[in-house]
N, C-alpha and C. Protein backbone atom coordinates (compact mmCIF):
# COMPACT_ATOMS: atom_id res chain seq x y z
N MET A 1 0.81 -1.18 0.00
CA MET A 1 0.00 0.00 0.00
C MET A 1 0.87 1.26 0.00
N MET A 2 1.85 1.28 0.84
CA MET A 2 2.77 2.41 0.92
C MET A 2 3.48 2.62 -0.40
N LEU A 3 3.84 1.53 -1.04
CA LEU A 3 4.53 1.59 -2.31
C LEU A 3 3.65 2.19 -3.40
N SER A 4 2.42 1.89 -3.41
CA SER A 4 1.53 2.43 -4.44
C SER A 4 1.29 3.92 -4.23
N ILE A 5 1.27 4.38 -2.99
CA ILE A 5 1.11 5.82 -2.71
C ILE A 5 2.36 6.57 -3.19
N LEU A 6 3.53 6.01 -2.93
CA LEU A 6 4.77 6.64 -3.39
C LEU A 6 4.83 6.70 -4.91
N LYS A 7 4.39 5.60 -5.58
CA LYS A 7 4.41 5.58 -7.04
C LYS A 7 3.51 6.68 -7.59
N LYS A 8 2.33 6.84 -6.99
CA LYS A 8 1.37 7.82 -7.48
C LYS A 8 1.87 9.25 -7.29
N ARG A 9 2.60 9.54 -6.22
CA ARG A 9 3.08 10.89 -5.94
C ARG A 9 4.48 11.15 -6.51
N LEU A 10 5.35 10.17 -6.40
CA LEU A 10 6.73 10.35 -6.80
C LEU A 10 6.93 10.25 -8.30
N CYS A 11 6.27 9.33 -8.95
CA CYS A 11 6.47 9.14 -10.38
C CYS A 11 6.13 10.38 -11.19
N PRO A 12 5.02 11.05 -10.95
CA PRO A 12 4.74 12.26 -11.74
C PRO A 12 5.80 13.35 -11.52
N LEU A 13 6.31 13.50 -10.30
CA LEU A 13 7.34 14.51 -10.03
C LEU A 13 8.64 14.18 -10.74
N VAL A 14 9.06 12.92 -10.71
CA VAL A 14 10.28 12.51 -11.38
C VAL A 14 10.12 12.67 -12.88
N SER A 15 8.97 12.27 -13.42
CA SER A 15 8.71 12.41 -14.85
C SER A 15 8.76 13.87 -15.28
N LEU A 16 8.19 14.74 -14.46
CA LEU A 16 8.18 16.17 -14.76
C LEU A 16 9.61 16.73 -14.74
N ALA A 17 10.41 16.35 -13.79
CA ALA A 17 11.80 16.81 -13.69
C ALA A 17 12.62 16.33 -14.88
N ILE A 18 12.41 15.10 -15.29
CA ILE A 18 13.15 14.56 -16.43
C ILE A 18 12.73 15.27 -17.71
N ALA A 19 11.45 15.53 -17.86
CA ALA A 19 10.94 16.17 -19.08
C ALA A 19 11.54 17.57 -19.25
N PHE A 20 11.62 18.34 -18.19
CA PHE A 20 12.15 19.70 -18.29
C PHE A 20 13.68 19.74 -18.24
N GLY A 21 14.30 18.75 -17.67
CA GLY A 21 15.75 18.77 -17.51
C GLY A 21 16.50 18.13 -18.66
N CYS A 22 15.87 17.36 -19.46
CA CYS A 22 16.56 16.65 -20.53
C CYS A 22 16.96 17.59 -21.66
N GLY A 23 18.09 17.29 -22.29
CA GLY A 23 18.50 18.02 -23.48
C GLY A 23 19.38 19.23 -23.21
N LYS A 24 19.59 19.62 -21.99
CA LYS A 24 20.45 20.77 -21.68
C LYS A 24 21.81 20.26 -21.22
N LYS A 25 22.84 20.82 -21.83
CA LYS A 25 24.19 20.48 -21.40
C LYS A 25 24.60 21.42 -20.27
N ILE A 26 25.29 20.90 -19.32
CA ILE A 26 25.71 21.72 -18.18
C ILE A 26 26.71 22.78 -18.61
N ASN A 27 27.59 22.45 -19.54
CA ASN A 27 28.61 23.41 -19.95
C ASN A 27 28.20 24.25 -21.15
N ASP A 28 26.96 24.17 -21.58
CA ASP A 28 26.46 24.94 -22.72
C ASP A 28 26.21 26.38 -22.26
N PRO A 29 26.94 27.38 -22.83
CA PRO A 29 26.76 28.77 -22.40
C PRO A 29 25.35 29.29 -22.62
N ALA A 30 24.67 28.77 -23.64
CA ALA A 30 23.31 29.24 -23.91
C ALA A 30 22.35 28.81 -22.82
N SER A 31 22.66 27.72 -22.14
CA SER A 31 21.76 27.25 -21.09
C SER A 31 22.17 27.76 -19.71
N ALA A 32 23.29 28.46 -19.62
CA ALA A 32 23.76 28.99 -18.34
C ALA A 32 22.94 30.21 -17.96
N PRO A 33 22.71 30.41 -16.68
CA PRO A 33 21.96 31.60 -16.26
C PRO A 33 22.75 32.87 -16.54
N VAL A 34 22.06 33.94 -16.88
CA VAL A 34 22.70 35.21 -17.17
C VAL A 34 22.89 35.97 -15.87
N ILE A 35 24.12 36.44 -15.64
CA ILE A 35 24.43 37.21 -14.44
C ILE A 35 24.64 38.65 -14.86
N ASN A 36 23.91 39.54 -14.26
CA ASN A 36 24.01 40.96 -14.61
C ASN A 36 25.04 41.63 -13.72
N HIS A 37 26.25 41.86 -14.26
CA HIS A 37 27.34 42.47 -13.49
C HIS A 37 27.13 43.96 -13.29
N SER A 38 26.40 44.60 -14.18
CA SER A 38 26.24 46.05 -14.07
C SER A 38 25.39 46.44 -12.87
N ALA A 39 24.66 45.52 -12.32
CA ALA A 39 23.81 45.83 -11.17
C ALA A 39 24.60 45.81 -9.86
N GLN A 40 25.84 45.30 -9.91
CA GLN A 40 26.64 45.25 -8.68
C GLN A 40 27.13 46.65 -8.33
N MET A 41 27.21 46.95 -7.05
CA MET A 41 27.69 48.24 -6.59
C MET A 41 29.20 48.31 -6.75
N GLN A 42 29.70 49.41 -7.30
CA GLN A 42 31.13 49.62 -7.45
C GLN A 42 31.51 50.90 -6.73
N GLU A 43 32.70 50.89 -6.13
CA GLU A 43 33.19 52.07 -5.45
C GLU A 43 33.72 53.05 -6.48
N LEU A 44 33.21 54.26 -6.47
CA LEU A 44 33.65 55.28 -7.41
C LEU A 44 34.84 56.04 -6.84
N PRO A 45 35.72 56.54 -7.73
CA PRO A 45 36.85 57.33 -7.24
C PRO A 45 36.35 58.60 -6.56
N SER A 46 37.11 59.08 -5.61
CA SER A 46 36.73 60.29 -4.90
C SER A 46 37.30 61.50 -5.64
N THR A 47 36.92 62.67 -5.18
CA THR A 47 37.39 63.92 -5.78
C THR A 47 38.12 64.72 -4.72
N LEU A 48 39.26 65.27 -5.08
CA LEU A 48 40.04 66.13 -4.21
C LEU A 48 40.06 67.51 -4.84
N THR A 49 39.75 68.54 -4.07
CA THR A 49 39.83 69.92 -4.56
C THR A 49 40.89 70.65 -3.77
N LEU A 50 41.85 71.21 -4.48
CA LEU A 50 42.92 71.99 -3.88
C LEU A 50 42.63 73.45 -4.23
N GLU A 51 42.65 74.34 -3.25
CA GLU A 51 42.33 75.75 -3.48
C GLU A 51 43.45 76.65 -2.98
N VAL A 52 43.78 77.65 -3.80
CA VAL A 52 44.68 78.72 -3.37
C VAL A 52 43.84 79.97 -3.26
N ASN A 53 43.92 80.64 -2.12
CA ASN A 53 43.24 81.91 -1.90
C ASN A 53 44.33 82.95 -1.68
N SER A 54 44.57 83.79 -2.70
CA SER A 54 45.70 84.71 -2.63
C SER A 54 45.54 85.77 -1.54
N ALA A 55 44.36 85.91 -0.97
CA ALA A 55 44.18 86.83 0.16
C ALA A 55 44.95 86.30 1.37
N ASN A 56 45.10 84.97 1.45
CA ASN A 56 45.81 84.35 2.58
C ASN A 56 47.24 83.96 2.20
N SER A 57 47.41 83.36 1.03
CA SER A 57 48.72 82.88 0.58
C SER A 57 48.65 82.63 -0.92
N THR A 58 49.78 82.68 -1.59
CA THR A 58 49.80 82.39 -3.03
C THR A 58 50.08 80.92 -3.32
N GLU A 59 50.13 80.10 -2.27
CA GLU A 59 50.33 78.67 -2.47
C GLU A 59 49.61 77.86 -1.40
N THR A 60 49.33 76.62 -1.74
CA THR A 60 48.72 75.68 -0.79
C THR A 60 49.21 74.28 -1.14
N SER A 61 49.24 73.39 -0.13
CA SER A 61 49.72 72.02 -0.33
C SER A 61 48.75 71.03 0.28
N TYR A 62 48.81 69.80 -0.24
CA TYR A 62 48.03 68.70 0.30
C TYR A 62 48.96 67.50 0.45
N LEU A 63 49.09 66.97 1.66
CA LEU A 63 49.94 65.82 1.95
C LEU A 63 49.16 64.54 1.72
N LEU A 64 49.71 63.63 0.92
CA LEU A 64 49.05 62.36 0.62
C LEU A 64 49.27 61.37 1.76
N GLN A 65 48.18 60.83 2.27
CA GLN A 65 48.23 59.87 3.37
C GLN A 65 48.45 58.44 2.90
N ARG A 66 48.23 58.20 1.59
CA ARG A 66 48.46 56.88 1.00
C ARG A 66 48.64 57.02 -0.50
N ASN A 67 49.12 55.98 -1.14
CA ASN A 67 49.34 55.99 -2.59
C ASN A 67 48.01 56.17 -3.31
N ALA A 68 48.07 56.79 -4.48
CA ALA A 68 46.86 57.02 -5.26
C ALA A 68 47.20 57.21 -6.73
N TRP A 69 46.18 57.10 -7.55
CA TRP A 69 46.27 57.43 -8.97
C TRP A 69 45.39 58.65 -9.19
N PHE A 70 45.93 59.63 -9.90
CA PHE A 70 45.23 60.89 -10.12
C PHE A 70 44.95 61.13 -11.59
N LYS A 71 43.79 61.70 -11.88
CA LYS A 71 43.49 62.30 -13.17
C LYS A 71 43.76 63.78 -12.99
N LEU A 72 44.67 64.34 -13.77
CA LEU A 72 45.01 65.75 -13.63
C LEU A 72 43.99 66.61 -14.39
N PRO A 73 43.68 67.78 -13.86
CA PRO A 73 42.67 68.63 -14.50
C PRO A 73 43.19 69.28 -15.78
N SER A 74 42.29 69.49 -16.73
CA SER A 74 42.64 70.18 -17.97
C SER A 74 42.52 71.69 -17.83
N HIS A 75 41.86 72.12 -16.77
CA HIS A 75 41.75 73.56 -16.50
C HIS A 75 41.53 73.78 -15.00
N LEU A 76 41.82 74.98 -14.55
CA LEU A 76 41.59 75.38 -13.17
C LEU A 76 40.52 76.47 -13.18
N ILE A 77 39.78 76.58 -12.11
CA ILE A 77 38.69 77.54 -12.01
C ILE A 77 39.11 78.71 -11.13
N ALA A 78 38.89 79.92 -11.64
CA ALA A 78 39.17 81.15 -10.88
C ALA A 78 37.88 81.68 -10.30
N LYS A 79 37.94 82.12 -9.05
CA LYS A 79 36.77 82.68 -8.37
C LYS A 79 37.13 84.05 -7.81
N ASN A 80 36.15 84.89 -7.66
CA ASN A 80 36.26 86.22 -7.02
C ASN A 80 37.00 87.26 -7.86
N ALA A 81 37.68 86.87 -8.92
CA ALA A 81 38.42 87.84 -9.74
C ALA A 81 38.75 87.21 -11.08
N SER A 82 39.20 88.01 -11.99
CA SER A 82 39.57 87.55 -13.32
C SER A 82 40.91 86.81 -13.28
N ALA A 83 41.03 85.77 -14.09
CA ALA A 83 42.27 84.99 -14.18
C ALA A 83 43.19 85.52 -15.27
N VAL A 84 42.77 86.53 -15.99
CA VAL A 84 43.56 87.05 -17.10
C VAL A 84 44.94 87.49 -16.60
N GLY A 85 45.98 87.00 -17.27
CA GLY A 85 47.35 87.33 -16.91
C GLY A 85 47.93 86.48 -15.80
N LYS A 86 47.19 85.51 -15.28
CA LYS A 86 47.66 84.67 -14.17
C LYS A 86 48.26 83.37 -14.70
N THR A 87 49.24 82.86 -13.98
CA THR A 87 49.83 81.55 -14.24
C THR A 87 49.90 80.79 -12.92
N VAL A 88 49.52 79.52 -12.98
CA VAL A 88 49.55 78.66 -11.79
C VAL A 88 50.42 77.45 -12.10
N LYS A 89 51.26 77.11 -11.12
CA LYS A 89 52.14 75.94 -11.23
C LYS A 89 51.71 74.95 -10.16
N VAL A 90 51.53 73.68 -10.56
CA VAL A 90 51.15 72.63 -9.63
C VAL A 90 52.25 71.59 -9.61
N TYR A 91 52.81 71.35 -8.41
CA TYR A 91 53.90 70.39 -8.21
C TYR A 91 53.32 69.06 -7.74
N TYR A 92 53.84 67.96 -8.28
CA TYR A 92 53.37 66.62 -7.90
C TYR A 92 54.51 65.79 -7.33
N ASN A 93 54.15 64.97 -6.33
CA ASN A 93 55.12 64.14 -5.61
C ASN A 93 56.26 64.99 -5.05
N LEU A 94 55.86 66.06 -4.40
CA LEU A 94 56.81 66.99 -3.76
C LEU A 94 57.18 66.42 -2.39
N ASP A 95 58.49 66.29 -2.13
CA ASP A 95 58.89 65.74 -0.84
C ASP A 95 59.25 66.87 0.14
N THR A 96 59.67 66.51 1.31
CA THR A 96 59.96 67.49 2.36
C THR A 96 61.18 68.36 2.05
N ASN A 97 62.02 67.91 1.10
CA ASN A 97 63.19 68.69 0.69
C ASN A 97 62.91 69.56 -0.53
N ASN A 98 61.63 69.72 -0.88
CA ASN A 98 61.19 70.48 -2.06
C ASN A 98 61.65 69.89 -3.38
N HIS A 99 61.96 68.60 -3.40
CA HIS A 99 62.21 67.90 -4.66
C HIS A 99 60.86 67.38 -5.13
N TYR A 100 60.64 67.38 -6.43
CA TYR A 100 59.36 66.90 -6.95
C TYR A 100 59.59 66.13 -8.24
N GLU A 101 58.59 65.31 -8.59
CA GLU A 101 58.69 64.48 -9.78
C GLU A 101 58.41 65.31 -11.04
N PHE A 102 57.29 66.04 -11.05
CA PHE A 102 56.96 66.87 -12.19
C PHE A 102 56.02 67.99 -11.75
N HIS A 103 55.85 68.98 -12.63
CA HIS A 103 54.90 70.06 -12.37
C HIS A 103 54.12 70.34 -13.66
N CYS A 104 52.96 70.96 -13.49
CA CYS A 104 52.15 71.36 -14.64
C CYS A 104 51.86 72.85 -14.52
N LEU A 105 51.82 73.50 -15.68
CA LEU A 105 51.54 74.94 -15.74
C LEU A 105 50.18 75.17 -16.36
N TYR A 106 49.47 76.15 -15.80
CA TYR A 106 48.15 76.56 -16.29
C TYR A 106 48.18 78.07 -16.46
N SER A 107 47.66 78.54 -17.58
CA SER A 107 47.66 79.98 -17.87
C SER A 107 46.24 80.44 -18.18
N SER A 108 46.02 81.75 -18.01
CA SER A 108 44.70 82.28 -18.29
C SER A 108 44.39 82.16 -19.77
N SER A 109 43.12 81.91 -20.04
CA SER A 109 42.66 81.82 -21.42
C SER A 109 41.77 83.04 -21.68
N VAL A 110 41.04 83.00 -22.75
CA VAL A 110 40.14 84.11 -23.05
C VAL A 110 39.01 84.19 -22.04
N GLN A 111 38.70 83.08 -21.40
CA GLN A 111 37.68 83.09 -20.35
C GLN A 111 38.31 83.55 -19.04
N ALA A 112 37.78 84.59 -18.47
CA ALA A 112 38.36 85.17 -17.26
C ALA A 112 38.23 84.26 -16.04
N ALA A 113 37.36 83.28 -16.08
CA ALA A 113 37.13 82.42 -14.92
C ALA A 113 37.88 81.09 -15.01
N GLU A 114 38.81 80.97 -15.96
CA GLU A 114 39.44 79.69 -16.19
C GLU A 114 40.91 79.85 -16.57
N LEU A 115 41.72 78.92 -16.07
CA LEU A 115 43.12 78.83 -16.50
C LEU A 115 43.26 77.49 -17.21
N SER A 116 43.80 77.50 -18.42
CA SER A 116 43.90 76.30 -19.24
C SER A 116 45.26 75.63 -19.09
N PHE A 117 45.26 74.31 -19.28
CA PHE A 117 46.49 73.53 -19.24
C PHE A 117 47.46 74.03 -20.30
N ASP A 118 48.72 74.18 -19.91
CA ASP A 118 49.77 74.59 -20.84
C ASP A 118 50.70 73.40 -21.11
N LYS A 119 51.36 72.89 -20.06
CA LYS A 119 52.27 71.76 -20.21
C LYS A 119 52.64 71.19 -18.85
N CYS A 120 53.17 69.96 -18.88
CA CYS A 120 53.76 69.34 -17.70
C CYS A 120 55.22 69.08 -17.99
N GLN A 121 56.07 69.32 -16.99
CA GLN A 121 57.50 69.15 -17.13
C GLN A 121 58.06 68.41 -15.93
N THR A 122 59.18 67.74 -16.16
CA THR A 122 59.90 67.10 -15.05
C THR A 122 60.55 68.19 -14.20
N SER A 123 61.14 67.79 -13.09
CA SER A 123 61.84 68.76 -12.24
C SER A 123 63.06 69.34 -12.95
N ASP A 124 63.50 68.70 -14.03
CA ASP A 124 64.62 69.21 -14.85
C ASP A 124 64.12 70.05 -16.03
N ASP A 125 62.85 70.44 -16.02
CA ASP A 125 62.21 71.24 -17.07
C ASP A 125 62.15 70.57 -18.44
N VAL A 126 62.10 69.24 -18.47
CA VAL A 126 61.88 68.50 -19.71
C VAL A 126 60.37 68.33 -19.87
N THR A 127 59.81 68.79 -20.99
CA THR A 127 58.37 68.70 -21.21
C THR A 127 57.97 67.25 -21.43
N ILE A 128 57.01 66.78 -20.63
CA ILE A 128 56.53 65.41 -20.76
C ILE A 128 55.13 65.35 -21.36
N ILE A 129 54.34 66.42 -21.20
CA ILE A 129 53.01 66.50 -21.80
C ILE A 129 52.78 67.95 -22.24
N SER A 130 52.37 68.10 -23.49
CA SER A 130 52.09 69.45 -23.97
C SER A 130 50.73 69.52 -24.65
N ASN A 131 50.01 68.42 -24.67
CA ASN A 131 48.72 68.35 -25.33
C ASN A 131 47.65 67.97 -24.30
N VAL A 132 46.59 68.76 -24.24
CA VAL A 132 45.54 68.52 -23.24
C VAL A 132 44.85 67.18 -23.46
N ASP A 133 44.74 66.72 -24.71
CA ASP A 133 44.13 65.41 -24.97
C ASP A 133 44.95 64.29 -24.35
N ASP A 134 46.27 64.39 -24.42
CA ASP A 134 47.14 63.40 -23.79
C ASP A 134 46.99 63.42 -22.27
N LEU A 135 46.89 64.62 -21.71
CA LEU A 135 46.72 64.77 -20.26
C LEU A 135 45.45 64.09 -19.79
N GLU A 136 44.36 64.26 -20.53
CA GLU A 136 43.07 63.71 -20.12
C GLU A 136 43.02 62.19 -20.22
N LYS A 137 43.89 61.58 -21.00
CA LYS A 137 43.91 60.13 -21.17
C LYS A 137 44.72 59.41 -20.10
N MET A 138 45.54 60.13 -19.36
CA MET A 138 46.49 59.50 -18.44
C MET A 138 46.04 59.55 -16.99
N ASP A 139 46.51 58.56 -16.24
CA ASP A 139 46.42 58.54 -14.79
C ASP A 139 47.84 58.62 -14.27
N PHE A 140 48.05 59.38 -13.20
CA PHE A 140 49.40 59.59 -12.67
C PHE A 140 49.49 59.05 -11.25
N PRO A 141 50.56 58.29 -10.95
CA PRO A 141 50.73 57.77 -9.60
C PRO A 141 51.26 58.86 -8.67
N MET A 142 50.66 58.93 -7.49
CA MET A 142 51.13 59.84 -6.46
C MET A 142 51.51 58.99 -5.24
N ASP A 143 52.59 59.36 -4.60
CA ASP A 143 53.16 58.54 -3.55
C ASP A 143 52.79 59.01 -2.15
N LYS A 144 52.51 58.05 -1.29
CA LYS A 144 52.24 58.33 0.12
C LYS A 144 53.40 59.13 0.72
N GLY A 145 53.06 60.14 1.49
CA GLY A 145 54.08 60.95 2.16
C GLY A 145 54.59 62.12 1.33
N THR A 146 54.17 62.20 0.07
CA THR A 146 54.53 63.36 -0.75
C THR A 146 53.35 64.32 -0.81
N SER A 147 53.57 65.47 -1.41
CA SER A 147 52.52 66.49 -1.46
C SER A 147 52.24 66.93 -2.89
N ILE A 148 51.07 67.54 -3.02
CA ILE A 148 50.72 68.29 -4.22
C ILE A 148 50.73 69.74 -3.77
N LYS A 149 51.42 70.59 -4.50
CA LYS A 149 51.46 72.01 -4.13
C LYS A 149 51.02 72.84 -5.32
N MET A 150 50.07 73.75 -5.07
CA MET A 150 49.60 74.66 -6.11
C MET A 150 50.05 76.06 -5.74
N GLN A 151 50.60 76.78 -6.73
CA GLN A 151 51.18 78.09 -6.47
C GLN A 151 50.81 79.06 -7.60
N ILE A 152 50.37 80.25 -7.23
CA ILE A 152 50.14 81.32 -8.20
C ILE A 152 51.48 82.01 -8.40
N LEU A 153 51.98 82.01 -9.65
CA LEU A 153 53.32 82.54 -9.90
C LEU A 153 53.37 84.05 -10.01
N ASN A 154 52.39 84.65 -10.62
CA ASN A 154 52.44 86.09 -10.88
C ASN A 154 51.24 86.80 -10.27
N GLN A 155 51.16 86.75 -8.97
CA GLN A 155 50.05 87.38 -8.27
C GLN A 155 50.31 88.87 -8.14
N ALA A 156 49.39 89.63 -8.67
CA ALA A 156 49.47 91.09 -8.53
C ALA A 156 48.04 91.63 -8.59
N GLY A 157 47.78 92.62 -7.80
CA GLY A 157 46.46 93.27 -7.86
C GLY A 157 45.37 92.48 -7.17
N ASN A 158 44.38 92.03 -7.95
CA ASN A 158 43.18 91.40 -7.41
C ASN A 158 43.48 90.17 -6.56
N LYS A 159 42.69 90.02 -5.52
CA LYS A 159 42.75 88.80 -4.71
C LYS A 159 41.92 87.75 -5.43
N ILE A 160 42.50 86.60 -5.65
CA ILE A 160 41.84 85.57 -6.45
C ILE A 160 41.89 84.23 -5.74
N LYS A 161 40.87 83.41 -5.97
CA LYS A 161 40.85 82.02 -5.50
C LYS A 161 40.93 81.14 -6.74
N ILE A 162 41.77 80.11 -6.66
CA ILE A 162 41.92 79.16 -7.76
C ILE A 162 41.60 77.77 -7.22
N ASP A 163 40.70 77.06 -7.89
CA ASP A 163 40.36 75.68 -7.53
C ASP A 163 40.93 74.72 -8.55
N SER A 164 41.48 73.62 -8.05
CA SER A 164 42.00 72.54 -8.89
C SER A 164 41.34 71.25 -8.41
N SER A 165 40.57 70.59 -9.27
CA SER A 165 39.85 69.38 -8.87
C SER A 165 40.45 68.14 -9.52
N TYR A 166 40.60 67.09 -8.71
CA TYR A 166 41.22 65.84 -9.15
C TYR A 166 40.28 64.68 -8.90
N ILE A 167 40.24 63.75 -9.85
CA ILE A 167 39.58 62.47 -9.63
C ILE A 167 40.67 61.55 -9.10
N VAL A 168 40.42 60.93 -7.95
CA VAL A 168 41.45 60.16 -7.26
C VAL A 168 40.99 58.73 -7.03
N ASP A 169 41.85 57.79 -7.36
CA ASP A 169 41.61 56.38 -7.05
C ASP A 169 42.63 55.98 -5.99
N TRP A 170 42.19 55.96 -4.72
CA TRP A 170 43.09 55.67 -3.61
C TRP A 170 43.44 54.20 -3.61
N LYS A 171 44.70 53.90 -3.41
CA LYS A 171 45.18 52.50 -3.37
C LYS A 171 45.43 52.08 -1.96
């Protein structure tokens, strides 16, 4: 009696499982479940803004607490005054002895609120980047314990604030 009850309940379930399960290969990519990777949360790089306010000082520095990769800005933003005639130099991987790996220069453009990328040079004044398109394609390593220093080279007259924004991938 018990056996007949099991046959009546178990056989249809087994038959149904075999009917739907047959014909699919385990290693067939078409039969594999689709996993949506774009729905996973990813950590986005942070942003660092370095500001020089010439009312207080013509330079400012930021000490790196850990290694990072930086996207360098193609332009700097001027606030409170016109940037016309201004030049800003930004030093990267500056150590405590004022030695640095490279610097980039930004000069005023026709827009009074912006300083445009001019070039990047090594500490020996060898130009390494002179095209803004090349600058935008690169990521630059910055070392723990070094600094980024931004300096207004030809400050005269108006008090100006300059912002430099970086996309940073902290390591």
